Amino acid sequence: MQRRAWLLRVKKGKEDEYRRAHAAVWPELINSAHDAGLRNHSCFLSGRDVIVYAEAEDVEATFEKLLATDVKKKWDAAMASVLEEGGAFEFEEVFHFD
């Protein structure tokens, strides 16, 4: 199982909108993520910083499949007004234990 983490930033004043969107994530998005191979996914918010965590057998292949779906494209378009531009900063995993 591969694990990845990214840092995103919410636009100033959009923190509550980000929380509301994630409190009501579309079931079809979750189904598409699961179908693509995502097995564990979390978002953690601190101020305007978001740490995104994901697990999959092959994280790159999983996100490639997911990003090709209409529902993920629609979600990303909806989140564009909430998240700062510039993409995500990926973290390097340096330690893990189960």
Protein backbone atom coordinates (compact mmCIF):
# COMPACT_ATOMS: atom_id res chain seq x y z
CA MET A 1 0.00 0.00 0.00
CA GLN A 2 1.35 3.43 -0.94
CA ARG A 3 0.67 6.51 1.16
CA ARG A 4 0.85 10.15 0.08
CA ALA A 5 0.26 13.51 1.69
CA TRP A 6 -0.11 16.97 0.19
CA LEU A 7 -0.44 20.50 1.50
CA LEU A 8 -3.13 22.76 0.02
CA ARG A 9 -4.25 26.22 1.06
CA VAL A 10 -7.81 27.51 1.35
CA LYS A 11 -8.48 31.04 0.13
CA LYS A 12 -8.82 33.60 2.89
CA GLY A 13 -12.41 33.69 4.16
CA LYS A 14 -13.34 30.40 2.46
CA GLU A 15 -12.60 28.10 5.41
CA ASP A 16 -16.27 27.57 6.33
CA GLU A 17 -17.16 26.92 2.69
CA TYR A 18 -14.39 24.29 2.56
CA ARG A 19 -15.78 22.65 5.72
CA ARG A 20 -19.34 22.67 4.36
CA ALA A 21 -18.28 21.11 1.06
CA HIS A 22 -16.45 18.31 2.83
CA ALA A 23 -19.29 17.73 5.29
CA ALA A 24 -21.45 16.92 2.27
CA VAL A 25 -19.05 15.24 -0.18
CA TRP A 26 -21.00 13.80 -3.07
CA PRO A 27 -21.56 10.03 -2.74
CA GLU A 28 -20.75 9.58 -6.44
CA LEU A 29 -17.33 11.18 -5.83
CA ILE A 30 -16.63 8.77 -2.99
CA ASN A 31 -17.77 5.85 -5.14
CA SER A 32 -15.56 6.98 -8.03
CA ALA A 33 -12.58 7.35 -5.69
CA HIS A 34 -13.14 3.88 -4.30
CA ASP A 35 -13.60 2.42 -7.80
CA ALA A 36 -10.33 4.07 -8.90
CA GLY A 37 -8.51 2.31 -6.05
CA LEU A 38 -8.43 4.86 -3.23
CA ARG A 39 -8.64 3.00 0.08
CA ASN A 40 -8.06 5.63 2.72
CA HIS A 41 -8.43 9.38 2.26
CA SER A 42 -8.51 12.21 4.78
CA CYS A 43 -8.31 15.99 4.76
CA PHE A 44 -7.15 17.89 7.85
CA LEU A 45 -7.72 21.65 8.15
CA SER A 46 -5.65 23.98 10.35
CA GLY A 47 -6.41 27.63 9.73
CA ARG A 48 -6.17 27.86 5.94
CA ASP A 49 -3.78 24.93 5.53
CA VAL A 50 -5.13 21.55 4.42
CA ILE A 51 -3.18 18.34 4.70
CA VAL A 52 -4.57 15.72 2.34
CA TYR A 53 -3.71 12.08 3.01
CA ALA A 54 -4.38 9.14 0.69
CA GLU A 55 -3.63 5.43 0.48
CA ALA A 56 -3.83 3.15 -2.56
CA GLU A 57 -1.94 0.23 -4.05
CA ASP A 58 -0.63 2.62 -6.72
CA VAL A 59 -1.36 6.23 -5.77
CA GLU A 60 -0.37 7.73 -9.13
CA ALA A 61 -2.46 5.27 -11.16
CA THR A 62 -5.39 5.71 -8.77
CA PHE A 63 -5.42 9.49 -9.07
CA GLU A 64 -4.92 9.28 -12.83
CA LYS A 65 -8.11 7.17 -13.04
CA LEU A 66 -9.99 9.39 -10.62
CA LEU A 67 -8.96 12.64 -12.32
CA ALA A 68 -10.37 11.31 -15.60
CA THR A 69 -13.88 10.95 -14.17
CA ASP A 70 -16.56 13.56 -14.78
CA VAL A 71 -17.49 13.74 -11.10
CA LYS A 72 -13.89 14.53 -10.05
CA LYS A 73 -13.65 17.21 -12.75
CA LYS A 74 -16.90 18.70 -11.44
CA TRP A 75 -15.63 18.57 -7.83
CA ASP A 76 -12.32 20.22 -8.77
CA ALA A 77 -14.22 22.98 -10.58
CA ALA A 78 -16.35 23.54 -7.46
CA MET A 79 -13.26 23.63 -5.24
CA ALA A 80 -11.45 26.10 -7.52
CA SER A 81 -13.31 28.97 -5.88
CA VAL A 82 -12.25 27.75 -2.44
CA LEU A 83 -8.63 26.65 -2.87
CA GLU A 84 -5.67 28.84 -3.75
CA GLU A 85 -4.12 28.29 -7.15
CA GLY A 86 -0.69 26.82 -7.47
CA GLY A 87 -1.41 23.19 -6.82
CA ALA A 88 -0.40 21.06 -3.93
CA PHE A 89 2.94 20.53 -2.29
CA GLU A 90 3.63 16.82 -1.89
CA PHE A 91 5.30 15.47 1.23
CA GLU A 92 7.97 12.77 1.22
CA GLU A 93 7.20 9.88 3.55
CA VAL A 94 10.21 9.33 5.79
CA PHE A 95 8.71 7.05 8.43
CA HIS A 96 5.75 4.72 8.82
CA PHE A 97 4.64 1.83 10.97
CA ASP A 98 1.40 -0.14 11.31
